[in-house]
Amino acid sequence: MLPSQPPPDQAHVEATAHSDDHPGDDPLELLRHDLKAPLTALRAQTQFLLRRLARLKGLDETERAWVLERGALIDAAIMAMVVRIEQLGREPPAKEDVRTRDGEAER
């Protein structure tokens, strides 16, 4: 069982609310922050497990490769979600000219 962390005290909550790295009052920024926080923790734990598994004795190389590959897929999925969360409420990147089959520029 994992140890639970005590809830933050009021002084910590107030200090965090006024720090520069706090997302501020923008609802979308708050949403992005709140969605990314658990993904960051999940990614850190995944990386920790992968490092541990890489050194673990008792797995043959095929098993080790399979587990490490699956862990890399988890890590990539987490990063894809972080990128999508960052894009929430923001304008999509400008598209370069899209060429049609006959070479004409499409805008």
PDB file of N, CA and C in Angstrom:
ATOM      1  N   MET A   1       0.843  -1.180   0.000  1.00  0.00           N
ATOM      2  CA  MET A   1       0.000   0.000   0.000  1.00  0.00           C
ATOM      3  C   MET A   1       0.886   1.240   0.000  1.00  0.00           C
ATOM      4  N   LEU A   2       0.512   2.218  -0.796  1.00  0.00           N
ATOM      5  CA  LEU A   2       1.279   3.445  -0.883  1.00  0.00           C
ATOM      6  C   LEU A   2       0.911   4.372   0.256  1.00  0.00           C
ATOM      7  N   PRO A   3       1.895   5.073   0.807  1.00  0.00           N
ATOM      8  CA  PRO A   3       1.568   6.022   1.881  1.00  0.00           C
ATOM      9  C   PRO A   3       0.781   7.187   1.295  1.00  0.00           C
ATOM     10  N   SER A   4      -0.199   7.642   2.042  1.00  0.00           N
ATOM     11  CA  SER A   4      -0.976   8.794   1.564  1.00  0.00           C
ATOM     12  C   SER A   4      -0.315  10.072   2.046  1.00  0.00           C
ATOM     13  N   GLN A   5      -0.492  11.100   1.248  1.00  0.00           N
ATOM     14  CA  GLN A   5       0.073  12.391   1.610  1.00  0.00           C
ATOM     15  C   GLN A   5      -0.988  13.187   2.356  1.00  0.00           C
ATOM     16  N   PRO A   6      -0.573  13.938   3.376  1.00  0.00           N
ATOM     17  CA  PRO A   6      -1.557  14.756   4.092  1.00  0.00           C
ATOM     18  C   PRO A   6      -2.047  15.876   3.189  1.00  0.00           C
ATOM     19  N   PRO A   7      -3.260  16.342   3.386  1.00  0.00           N
ATOM     20  CA  PRO A   7      -3.745  17.448   2.557  1.00  0.00           C
ATOM     21  C   PRO A   7      -2.910  18.698   2.827  1.00  0.00           C
ATOM     22  N   PRO A   8      -2.757  19.553   1.806  1.00  0.00           N
ATOM     23  CA  PRO A   8      -1.953  20.763   2.021  1.00  0.00           C
ATOM     24  C   PRO A   8      -2.633  21.692   3.017  1.00  0.00           C
ATOM     25  N   ASP A   9      -1.809  22.379   3.803  1.00  0.00           N
ATOM     26  CA  ASP A   9      -2.384  23.327   4.753  1.00  0.00           C
ATOM     27  C   ASP A   9      -2.774  24.614   4.016  1.00  0.00           C
ATOM     28  N   GLN A  10      -3.547  25.453   4.664  1.00  0.00           N
ATOM     29  CA  GLN A  10      -4.086  26.658   4.033  1.00  0.00           C
ATOM     30  C   GLN A  10      -2.969  27.599   3.580  1.00  0.00           C
ATOM     31  N   ALA A  11      -1.891  27.712   4.360  1.00  0.00           N
ATOM     32  CA  ALA A  11      -0.782  28.595   3.985  1.00  0.00           C
ATOM     33  C   ALA A  11      -0.154  28.136   2.674  1.00  0.00           C
ATOM     34  N   HIS A  12       0.001  26.801   2.511  1.00  0.00           N
ATOM     35  CA  HIS A  12       0.581  26.266   1.278  1.00  0.00           C
ATOM     36  C   HIS A  12      -0.339  26.548   0.091  1.00  0.00           C
ATOM     37  N   VAL A  13      -1.640  26.365   0.288  1.00  0.00           N
ATOM     38  CA  VAL A  13      -2.611  26.605  -0.782  1.00  0.00           C
ATOM     39  C   VAL A  13      -2.555  28.071  -1.215  1.00  0.00           C
ATOM     40  N   GLU A  14      -2.510  28.984  -0.253  1.00  0.00           N
ATOM     41  CA  GLU A  14      -2.466  30.407  -0.583  1.00  0.00           C
ATOM     42  C   GLU A  14      -1.150  30.789  -1.249  1.00  0.00           C
ATOM     43  N   ALA A  15      -0.043  30.230  -0.784  1.00  0.00           N
ATOM     44  CA  ALA A  15       1.257  30.530  -1.379  1.00  0.00           C
ATOM     45  C   ALA A  15       1.314  30.016  -2.813  1.00  0.00           C
ATOM     46  N   THR A  16       0.782  28.839  -3.055  1.00  0.00           N
ATOM     47  CA  THR A  16       0.770  28.263  -4.392  1.00  0.00           C
ATOM     48  C   THR A  16      -0.104  29.077  -5.332  1.00  0.00           C
ATOM     49  N   ALA A  17      -1.194  29.589  -4.829  1.00  0.00           N
ATOM     50  CA  ALA A  17      -2.118  30.364  -5.660  1.00  0.00           C
ATOM     51  C   ALA A  17      -1.470  31.635  -6.184  1.00  0.00           C
ATOM     52  N   HIS A  18      -0.447  32.137  -5.506  1.00  0.00           N
ATOM     53  CA  HIS A  18       0.184  33.379  -5.916  1.00  0.00           C
ATOM     54  C   HIS A  18       1.564  33.182  -6.526  1.00  0.00           C
ATOM     55  N   SER A  19       1.975  31.946  -6.723  1.00  0.00           N
ATOM     56  CA  SER A  19       3.299  31.705  -7.303  1.00  0.00           C
ATOM     57  C   SER A  19       3.255  31.884  -8.813  1.00  0.00           C
ATOM     58  N   ASP A  20       4.424  32.077  -9.428  1.00  0.00           N
ATOM     59  CA  ASP A  20       4.512  32.309 -10.868  1.00  0.00           C
ATOM     60  C   ASP A  20       4.163  31.079 -11.687  1.00  0.00           C
ATOM     61  N   ASP A  21       4.377  29.873 -11.135  1.00  0.00           N
ATOM     62  CA  ASP A  21       4.113  28.668 -11.917  1.00  0.00           C
ATOM     63  C   ASP A  21       2.679  28.173 -11.770  1.00  0.00           C
ATOM     64  N   HIS A  22       1.847  28.901 -11.067  1.00  0.00           N
ATOM     65  CA  HIS A  22       0.440  28.533 -10.912  1.00  0.00           C
ATOM     66  C   HIS A  22      -0.317  28.949 -12.174  1.00  0.00           C
ATOM     67  N   PRO A  23      -1.267  28.143 -12.616  1.00  0.00           N
ATOM     68  CA  PRO A  23      -1.936  28.450 -13.877  1.00  0.00           C
ATOM     69  C   PRO A  23      -2.801  29.702 -13.876  1.00  0.00           C
ATOM     70  N   GLY A  24      -3.065  30.302 -12.744  1.00  0.00           N
ATOM     71  CA  GLY A  24      -3.827  31.543 -12.707  1.00  0.00           C
ATOM     72  C   GLY A  24      -5.322  31.324 -12.766  1.00  0.00           C
ATOM     73  N   ASP A  25      -6.042  32.328 -13.251  1.00  0.00           N
ATOM     74  CA  ASP A  25      -7.500  32.291 -13.244  1.00  0.00           C
ATOM     75  C   ASP A  25      -8.116  31.831 -14.553  1.00  0.00           C
ATOM     76  N   ASP A  26      -7.328  31.601 -15.588  1.00  0.00           N
ATOM     77  CA  ASP A  26      -7.845  31.161 -16.874  1.00  0.00           C
ATOM     78  C   ASP A  26      -8.387  29.739 -16.741  1.00  0.00           C
ATOM     79  N   PRO A  27      -9.690  29.533 -16.946  1.00  0.00           N
ATOM     80  CA  PRO A  27     -10.272  28.200 -16.763  1.00  0.00           C
ATOM     81  C   PRO A  27      -9.621  27.121 -17.634  1.00  0.00           C
ATOM     82  N   LEU A  28      -9.277  27.461 -18.871  1.00  0.00           N
ATOM     83  CA  LEU A  28      -8.634  26.461 -19.734  1.00  0.00           C
ATOM     84  C   LEU A  28      -7.230  26.123 -19.240  1.00  0.00           C
ATOM     85  N   GLU A  29      -6.534  27.124 -18.750  1.00  0.00           N
ATOM     86  CA  GLU A  29      -5.186  26.869 -18.217  1.00  0.00           C
ATOM     87  C   GLU A  29      -5.278  25.995 -16.968  1.00  0.00           C
ATOM     88  N   LEU A  30      -6.274  26.265 -16.127  1.00  0.00           N
ATOM     89  CA  LEU A  30      -6.492  25.422 -14.944  1.00  0.00           C
ATOM     90  C   LEU A  30      -6.825  23.989 -15.352  1.00  0.00           C
ATOM     91  N   LEU A  31      -7.672  23.833 -16.363  1.00  0.00           N
ATOM     92  CA  LEU A  31      -8.039  22.508 -16.845  1.00  0.00           C
ATOM     93  C   LEU A  31      -6.818  21.774 -17.384  1.00  0.00           C
ATOM     94  N   ARG A  32      -6.022  22.459 -18.205  1.00  0.00           N
ATOM     95  CA  ARG A  32      -4.804  21.836 -18.745  1.00  0.00           C
ATOM     96  C   ARG A  32      -3.892  21.378 -17.601  1.00  0.00           C
ATOM     97  N   HIS A  33      -3.722  22.237 -16.628  1.00  0.00           N
ATOM     98  CA  HIS A  33      -2.864  21.915 -15.485  1.00  0.00           C
ATOM     99  C   HIS A  33      -3.400  20.693 -14.731  1.00  0.00           C
ATOM    100  N   ASP A  34      -4.691  20.701 -14.450  1.00  0.00           N
ATOM    101  CA  ASP A  34      -5.291  19.606 -13.686  1.00  0.00           C
ATOM    102  C   ASP A  34      -5.288  18.286 -14.441  1.00  0.00           C
ATOM    103  N   LEU A  35      -5.387  18.340 -15.752  1.00  0.00           N
ATOM    104  CA  LEU A  35      -5.347  17.107 -16.550  1.00  0.00           C
ATOM    105  C   LEU A  35      -3.925  16.569 -16.702  1.00  0.00           C
ATOM    106  N   LYS A  36      -2.957  17.479 -16.792  1.00  0.00           N
ATOM    107  CA  LYS A  36      -1.575  17.038 -16.987  1.00  0.00           C
ATOM    108  C   LYS A  36      -0.921  16.521 -15.714  1.00  0.00           C
ATOM    109  N   ALA A  37      -1.333  17.024 -14.558  1.00  0.00           N
ATOM    110  CA  ALA A  37      -0.678  16.639 -13.299  1.00  0.00           C
ATOM    111  C   ALA A  37      -0.686  15.128 -13.068  1.00  0.00           C
ATOM    112  N   PRO A  38      -1.814  14.435 -13.174  1.00  0.00           N
ATOM    113  CA  PRO A  38      -1.765  12.984 -12.955  1.00  0.00           C
ATOM    114  C   PRO A  38      -1.002  12.247 -14.063  1.00  0.00           C
ATOM    115  N   LEU A  39      -1.016  12.803 -15.276  1.00  0.00           N
ATOM    116  CA  LEU A  39      -0.257  12.163 -16.353  1.00  0.00           C
ATOM    117  C   LEU A  39       1.244  12.273 -16.098  1.00  0.00           C
ATOM    118  N   THR A  40       1.661  13.385 -15.537  1.00  0.00           N
ATOM    119  CA  THR A  40       3.079  13.550 -15.204  1.00  0.00           C
ATOM    120  C   THR A  40       3.504  12.525 -14.156  1.00  0.00           C
ATOM    121  N   ALA A  41       2.666  12.339 -13.151  1.00  0.00           N
ATOM    122  CA  ALA A  41       2.967  11.337 -12.119  1.00  0.00           C
ATOM    123  C   ALA A  41       2.971   9.929 -12.711  1.00  0.00           C
ATOM    124  N   LEU A  42       2.022   9.652 -13.577  1.00  0.00           N
ATOM    125  CA  LEU A  42       1.947   8.340 -14.218  1.00  0.00           C
ATOM    126  C   LEU A  42       3.181   8.089 -15.081  1.00  0.00           C
ATOM    127  N   ARG A  43       3.609   9.101 -15.806  1.00  0.00           N
ATOM    128  CA  ARG A  43       4.803   8.955 -16.654  1.00  0.00           C
ATOM    129  C   ARG A  43       6.046   8.710 -15.802  1.00  0.00           C
ATOM    130  N   ALA A  44       6.179   9.433 -14.713  1.00  0.00           N
ATOM    131  CA  ALA A  44       7.332   9.248 -13.832  1.00  0.00           C
ATOM    132  C   ALA A  44       7.358   7.825 -13.275  1.00  0.00           C
ATOM    133  N   GLN A  45       6.208   7.321 -12.836  1.00  0.00           N
ATOM    134  CA  GLN A  45       6.155   5.956 -12.297  1.00  0.00           C
ATOM    135  C   GLN A  45       6.430   4.921 -13.375  1.00  0.00           C
ATOM    136  N   THR A  46       5.949   5.156 -14.585  1.00  0.00           N
ATOM    137  CA  THR A  46       6.216   4.240 -15.700  1.00  0.00           C
ATOM    138  C   THR A  46       7.709   4.193 -15.991  1.00  0.00           C
ATOM    139  N   GLN A  47       8.352   5.338 -16.039  1.00  0.00           N
ATOM    140  CA  GLN A  47       9.785   5.375 -16.296  1.00  0.00           C
ATOM    141  C   GLN A  47      10.562   4.687 -15.173  1.00  0.00           C
ATOM    142  N   PHE A  48      10.133   4.879 -13.940  1.00  0.00           N
ATOM    143  CA  PHE A  48      10.766   4.219 -12.809  1.00  0.00           C
ATOM    144  C   PHE A  48      10.664   2.698 -12.958  1.00  0.00           C
ATOM    145  N   LEU A  49       9.460   2.212 -13.264  1.00  0.00           N
ATOM    146  CA  LEU A  49       9.263   0.770 -13.445  1.00  0.00           C
ATOM    147  C   LEU A  49      10.103   0.220 -14.593  1.00  0.00           C
ATOM    148  N   LEU A  50      10.179   0.963 -15.684  1.00  0.00           N
ATOM    149  CA  LEU A  50      10.970   0.500 -16.828  1.00  0.00           C
ATOM    150  C   LEU A  50      12.453   0.390 -16.482  1.00  0.00           C
ATOM    151  N   ARG A  51      12.967   1.366 -15.746  1.00  0.00           N
ATOM    152  CA  ARG A  51      14.375   1.296 -15.328  1.00  0.00           C
ATOM    153  C   ARG A  51      14.597   0.093 -14.416  1.00  0.00           C
ATOM    154  N   ARG A  52      13.648  -0.121 -13.523  1.00  0.00           N
ATOM    155  CA  ARG A  52      13.748  -1.247 -12.584  1.00  0.00           C
ATOM    156  C   ARG A  52      13.672  -2.584 -13.325  1.00  0.00           C
ATOM    157  N   LEU A  53      12.747  -2.679 -14.265  1.00  0.00           N
ATOM    158  CA  LEU A  53      12.606  -3.912 -15.040  1.00  0.00           C
ATOM    159  C   LEU A  53      13.821  -4.187 -15.915  1.00  0.00           C
ATOM    160  N   ALA A  54      14.448  -3.142 -16.412  1.00  0.00           N
ATOM    161  CA  ALA A  54      15.625  -3.319 -17.256  1.00  0.00           C
ATOM    162  C   ALA A  54      16.756  -3.990 -16.488  1.00  0.00           C
ATOM    163  N   ARG A  55      16.811  -3.777 -15.174  1.00  0.00           N
ATOM    164  CA  ARG A  55      17.884  -4.360 -14.346  1.00  0.00           C
ATOM    165  C   ARG A  55      17.453  -5.650 -13.644  1.00  0.00           C
ATOM    166  N   LEU A  56      16.175  -5.997 -13.735  1.00  0.00           N
ATOM    167  CA  LEU A  56      15.638  -7.131 -12.998  1.00  0.00           C
ATOM    168  C   LEU A  56      16.218  -8.448 -13.506  1.00  0.00           C
ATOM    169  N   LYS A  57      16.675  -9.257 -12.585  1.00  0.00           N
ATOM    170  CA  LYS A  57      17.174 -10.578 -12.943  1.00  0.00           C
ATOM    171  C   LYS A  57      15.992 -11.539 -12.954  1.00  0.00           C
ATOM    172  N   GLY A  58      16.073 -12.562 -13.754  1.00  0.00           N
ATOM    173  CA  GLY A  58      15.008 -13.553 -13.802  1.00  0.00           C
ATOM    174  C   GLY A  58      14.147 -13.448 -15.047  1.00  0.00           C
ATOM    175  N   LEU A  59      14.239 -12.345 -15.757  1.00  0.00           N
ATOM    176  CA  LEU A  59      13.531 -12.234 -17.034  1.00  0.00           C
ATOM    177  C   LEU A  59      14.488 -12.616 -18.148  1.00  0.00           C
ATOM    178  N   ASP A  60      14.022 -13.449 -19.069  1.00  0.00           N
ATOM    179  CA  ASP A  60      14.896 -13.695 -20.215  1.00  0.00           C
ATOM    180  C   ASP A  60      14.814 -12.491 -21.148  1.00  0.00           C
ATOM    181  N   GLU A  61      15.674 -12.441 -22.126  1.00  0.00           N
ATOM    182  CA  GLU A  61      15.761 -11.253 -22.986  1.00  0.00           C
ATOM    183  C   GLU A  61      14.476 -11.008 -23.779  1.00  0.00           C
ATOM    184  N   THR A  62      13.791 -12.062 -24.167  1.00  0.00           N
ATOM    185  CA  THR A  62      12.528 -11.898 -24.899  1.00  0.00           C
ATOM    186  C   THR A  62      11.473 -11.253 -24.014  1.00  0.00           C
ATOM    187  N   GLU A  63      11.352 -11.733 -22.787  1.00  0.00           N
ATOM    188  CA  GLU A  63      10.390 -11.152 -21.841  1.00  0.00           C
ATOM    189  C   GLU A  63      10.744  -9.701 -21.521  1.00  0.00           C
ATOM    190  N   ARG A  64      12.022  -9.471 -21.284  1.00  0.00           N
ATOM    191  CA  ARG A  64      12.480  -8.114 -20.963  1.00  0.00           C
ATOM    192  C   ARG A  64      12.158  -7.153 -22.108  1.00  0.00           C
ATOM    193  N   ALA A  65      12.448  -7.567 -23.336  1.00  0.00           N
ATOM    194  CA  ALA A  65      12.184  -6.721 -24.504  1.00  0.00           C
ATOM    195  C   ALA A  65      10.691  -6.439 -24.644  1.00  0.00           C
ATOM    196  N   TRP A  66       9.856  -7.470 -24.401  1.00  0.00           N
ATOM    197  CA  TRP A  66       8.406  -7.304 -24.505  1.00  0.00           C
ATOM    198  C   TRP A  66       7.904  -6.286 -23.480  1.00  0.00           C
ATOM    199  N   VAL A  67       8.352  -6.432 -22.237  1.00  0.00           N
ATOM    200  CA  VAL A  67       7.913  -5.525 -21.160  1.00  0.00           C
ATOM    201  C   VAL A  67       8.392  -4.102 -21.442  1.00  0.00           C
ATOM    202  N   LEU A  68       9.640  -3.952 -21.846  1.00  0.00           N
ATOM    203  CA  LEU A  68      10.178  -2.618 -22.113  1.00  0.00           C
ATOM    204  C   LEU A  68       9.479  -1.966 -23.304  1.00  0.00           C
ATOM    205  N   GLU A  69       9.133  -2.763 -24.301  1.00  0.00           N
ATOM    206  CA  GLU A  69       8.401  -2.226 -25.455  1.00  0.00           C
ATOM    207  C   GLU A  69       7.017  -1.744 -25.040  1.00  0.00           C
ATOM    208  N   ARG A  70       6.331  -2.511 -24.224  1.00  0.00           N
ATOM    209  CA  ARG A  70       5.009  -2.104 -23.751  1.00  0.00           C
ATOM    210  C   ARG A  70       5.097  -0.845 -22.889  1.00  0.00           C
ATOM    211  N   GLY A  71       6.130  -0.768 -22.088  1.00  0.00           N
ATOM    212  CA  GLY A  71       6.330   0.432 -21.274  1.00  0.00           C
ATOM    213  C   GLY A  71       6.579   1.658 -22.134  1.00  0.00           C
ATOM    214  N   ALA A  72       7.337   1.475 -23.204  1.00  0.00           N
ATOM    215  CA  ALA A  72       7.589   2.590 -24.124  1.00  0.00           C
ATOM    216  C   ALA A  72       6.293   3.034 -24.798  1.00  0.00           C
ATOM    217  N   LEU A  73       5.407   2.090 -25.096  1.00  0.00           N
ATOM    218  CA  LEU A  73       4.106   2.439 -25.679  1.00  0.00           C
ATOM    219  C   LEU A  73       3.257   3.237 -24.690  1.00  0.00           C
ATOM    220  N   ILE A  74       3.289   2.847 -23.423  1.00  0.00           N
ATOM    221  CA  ILE A  74       2.566   3.584 -22.385  1.00  0.00           C
ATOM    222  C   ILE A  74       3.112   5.009 -22.299  1.00  0.00           C
ATOM    223  N   ASP A  75       4.432   5.131 -22.285  1.00  0.00           N
ATOM    224  CA  ASP A  75       5.066   6.447 -22.198  1.00  0.00           C
ATOM    225  C   ASP A  75       4.672   7.311 -23.395  1.00  0.00           C
ATOM    226  N   ALA A  76       4.669   6.739 -24.591  1.00  0.00           N
ATOM    227  CA  ALA A  76       4.301   7.493 -25.789  1.00  0.00           C
ATOM    228  C   ALA A  76       2.834   7.923 -25.734  1.00  0.00           C
ATOM    229  N   ALA A  77       1.967   7.062 -25.233  1.00  0.00           N
ATOM    230  CA  ALA A  77       0.543   7.414 -25.118  1.00  0.00           C
ATOM    231  C   ALA A  77       0.351   8.559 -24.129  1.00  0.00           C
ATOM    232  N   ILE A  78       1.086   8.525 -23.040  1.00  0.00           N
ATOM    233  CA  ILE A  78       1.001   9.605 -22.055  1.00  0.00           C
ATOM    234  C   ILE A  78       1.440  10.920 -22.685  1.00  0.00           C
ATOM    235  N   MET A  79       2.554  10.895 -23.404  1.00  0.00           N
ATOM    236  CA  MET A  79       3.049  12.124 -24.024  1.00  0.00           C
ATOM    237  C   MET A  79       2.086  12.640 -25.093  1.00  0.00           C
ATOM    238  N   ALA A  80       1.437  11.738 -25.833  1.00  0.00           N
ATOM    239  CA  ALA A  80       0.450  12.164 -26.824  1.00  0.00           C
ATOM    240  C   ALA A  80      -0.720  12.865 -26.141  1.00  0.00           C
ATOM    241  N   MET A  81      -1.131  12.350 -24.990  1.00  0.00           N
ATOM    242  CA  MET A  81      -2.220  12.991 -24.253  1.00  0.00           C
ATOM    243  C   MET A  81      -1.805  14.370 -23.742  1.00  0.00           C
ATOM    244  N   VAL A  82      -0.575  14.494 -23.271  1.00  0.00           N
ATOM    245  CA  VAL A  82      -0.088  15.790 -22.791  1.00  0.00           C
ATOM    246  C   VAL A  82      -0.116  16.811 -23.932  1.00  0.00           C
ATOM    247  N   VAL A  83       0.311  16.392 -25.117  1.00  0.00           N
ATOM    248  CA  VAL A  83       0.297  17.293 -26.275  1.00  0.00           C
ATOM    249  C   VAL A  83      -1.135  17.711 -26.600  1.00  0.00           C
ATOM    250  N   ARG A  84      -2.065  16.766 -26.583  1.00  0.00           N
ATOM    251  CA  ARG A  84      -3.471  17.096 -26.872  1.00  0.00           C
ATOM    252  C   ARG A  84      -4.043  18.030 -25.816  1.00  0.00           C
ATOM    253  N   ILE A  85      -3.689  17.808 -24.566  1.00  0.00           N
ATOM    254  CA  ILE A  85      -4.164  18.683 -23.487  1.00  0.00           C
ATOM    255  C   ILE A  85      -3.622  20.092 -23.678  1.00  0.00           C
ATOM    256  N   GLU A  86      -2.361  20.204 -24.048  1.00  0.00           N
ATOM    257  CA  GLU A  86      -1.765  21.528 -24.285  1.00  0.00           C
ATOM    258  C   GLU A  86      -2.499  22.276 -25.389  1.00  0.00           C
ATOM    259  N   GLN A  87      -3.071  21.550 -26.340  1.00  0.00           N
ATOM    260  CA  GLN A  87      -3.758  22.180 -27.466  1.00  0.00           C
ATOM    261  C   GLN A  87      -5.189  22.595 -27.135  1.00  0.00           C
ATOM    262  N   LEU A  88      -5.723  22.178 -25.994  1.00  0.00           N
ATOM    263  CA  LEU A  88      -7.098  22.520 -25.626  1.00  0.00           C
ATOM    264  C   LEU A  88      -7.302  24.029 -25.614  1.00  0.00           C
ATOM    265  N   GLY A  89      -8.260  24.495 -26.382  1.00  0.00           N
ATOM    266  CA  GLY A  89      -8.611  25.907 -26.380  1.00  0.00           C
ATOM    267  C   GLY A  89      -7.636  26.808 -27.103  1.00  0.00           C
ATOM    268  N   ARG A  90      -6.649  26.238 -27.728  1.00  0.00           N
ATOM    269  CA  ARG A  90      -5.666  27.046 -28.467  1.00  0.00           C
ATOM    270  C   ARG A  90      -5.907  26.857 -29.953  1.00  0.00           C
ATOM    271  N   GLU A  91      -5.501  27.844 -30.725  1.00  0.00           N
ATOM    272  CA  GLU A  91      -5.685  27.755 -32.170  1.00  0.00           C
ATOM    273  C   GLU A  91      -4.776  26.673 -32.734  1.00  0.00           C
ATOM    274  N   PRO A  92      -5.282  25.922 -33.714  1.00  0.00           N
ATOM    275  CA  PRO A  92      -4.430  24.898 -34.322  1.00  0.00           C
ATOM    276  C   PRO A  92      -3.271  25.559 -35.054  1.00  0.00           C
ATOM    277  N   PRO A  93      -2.155  24.848 -35.199  1.00  0.00           N
ATOM    278  CA  PRO A  93      -1.020  25.429 -35.915  1.00  0.00           C
ATOM    279  C   PRO A  93      -1.397  25.717 -37.366  1.00  0.00           C
ATOM    280  N   ALA A  94      -0.795  26.755 -37.921  1.00  0.00           N
ATOM    281  CA  ALA A  94      -1.074  27.121 -39.303  1.00  0.00           C
ATOM    282  C   ALA A  94      -0.620  25.999 -40.222  1.00  0.00           C
ATOM    283  N   LYS A  95      -1.467  25.668 -41.181  1.00  0.00           N
ATOM    284  CA  LYS A  95      -1.125  24.623 -42.144  1.00  0.00           C
ATOM    285  C   LYS A  95      -0.289  25.237 -43.253  1.00  0.00           C
ATOM    286  N   GLU A  96       0.656  24.459 -43.735  1.00  0.00           N
ATOM    287  CA  GLU A  96       1.404  24.878 -44.898  1.00  0.00           C
ATOM    288  C   GLU A  96       0.505  24.672 -46.104  1.00  0.00           C
ATOM    289  N   ASP A  97       0.900  25.207 -47.216  1.00  0.00           N
ATOM    290  CA  ASP A  97       0.107  25.005 -48.426  1.00  0.00           C
ATOM    291  C   ASP A  97      -0.113  23.522 -48.647  1.00  0.00           C
ATOM    292  N   VAL A  98      -1.339  23.171 -48.910  1.00  0.00           N
ATOM    293  CA  VAL A  98      -1.665  21.788 -49.224  1.00  0.00           C
ATOM    294  C   VAL A  98      -1.767  21.694 -50.733  1.00  0.00           C
ATOM    295  N   ARG A  99      -1.050  20.774 -51.321  1.00  0.00           N
ATOM    296  CA  ARG A  99      -1.045  20.617 -52.779  1.00  0.00           C
ATOM    297  C   ARG A  99      -2.081  19.582 -53.192  1.00  0.00           C
ATOM    298  N   THR A 100      -2.812  19.906 -54.243  1.00  0.00           N
ATOM    299  CA  THR A 100      -3.759  18.933 -54.795  1.00  0.00           C
ATOM    300  C   THR A 100      -2.995  17.979 -55.690  1.00  0.00           C
ATOM    301  N   ARG A 101      -3.704  16.987 -56.212  1.00  0.00           N
ATOM    302  CA  ARG A 101      -3.043  15.995 -57.078  1.00  0.00           C
ATOM    303  C   ARG A 101      -2.391  16.604 -58.298  1.00  0.00           C
ATOM    304  N   ASP A 102      -2.994  17.672 -58.845  1.00  0.00           N
ATOM    305  CA  ASP A 102      -2.419  18.266 -60.056  1.00  0.00           C
ATOM    306  C   ASP A 102      -1.382  19.340 -59.754  1.00  0.00           C
ATOM    307  N   GLY A 103      -0.994  19.476 -58.466  1.00  0.00           N
ATOM    308  CA  GLY A 103       0.077  20.397 -58.101  1.00  0.00           C
ATOM    309  C   GLY A 103      -0.385  21.793 -57.767  1.00  0.00           C
ATOM    310  N   GLU A 104      -1.678  22.072 -57.890  1.00  0.00           N
ATOM    311  CA  GLU A 104      -2.190  23.397 -57.565  1.00  0.00           C
ATOM    312  C   GLU A 104      -2.168  23.597 -56.051  1.00  0.00           C
ATOM    313  N   ALA A 105      -1.855  24.789 -55.616  1.00  0.00           N
ATOM    314  CA  ALA A 105      -1.861  25.111 -54.188  1.00  0.00           C
ATOM    315  C   ALA A 105      -3.301  25.284 -53.722  1.00  0.00           C
ATOM    316  N   GLU A 106      -3.601  24.686 -52.601  1.00  0.00           N
ATOM    317  CA  GLU A 106      -4.936  24.804 -52.017  1.00  0.00           C
ATOM    318  C   GLU A 106      -4.813  25.584 -50.729  1.00  0.00           C
ATOM    319  N   ARG A 107      -5.707  26.514 -50.504  1.00  0.00           N
ATOM    320  CA  ARG A 107      -5.638  27.315 -49.281  1.00  0.00           C
ATOM    321  C   ARG A 107      -6.893  27.195 -48.497  1.00  0.00           C
TER     322      ARG A 107
END
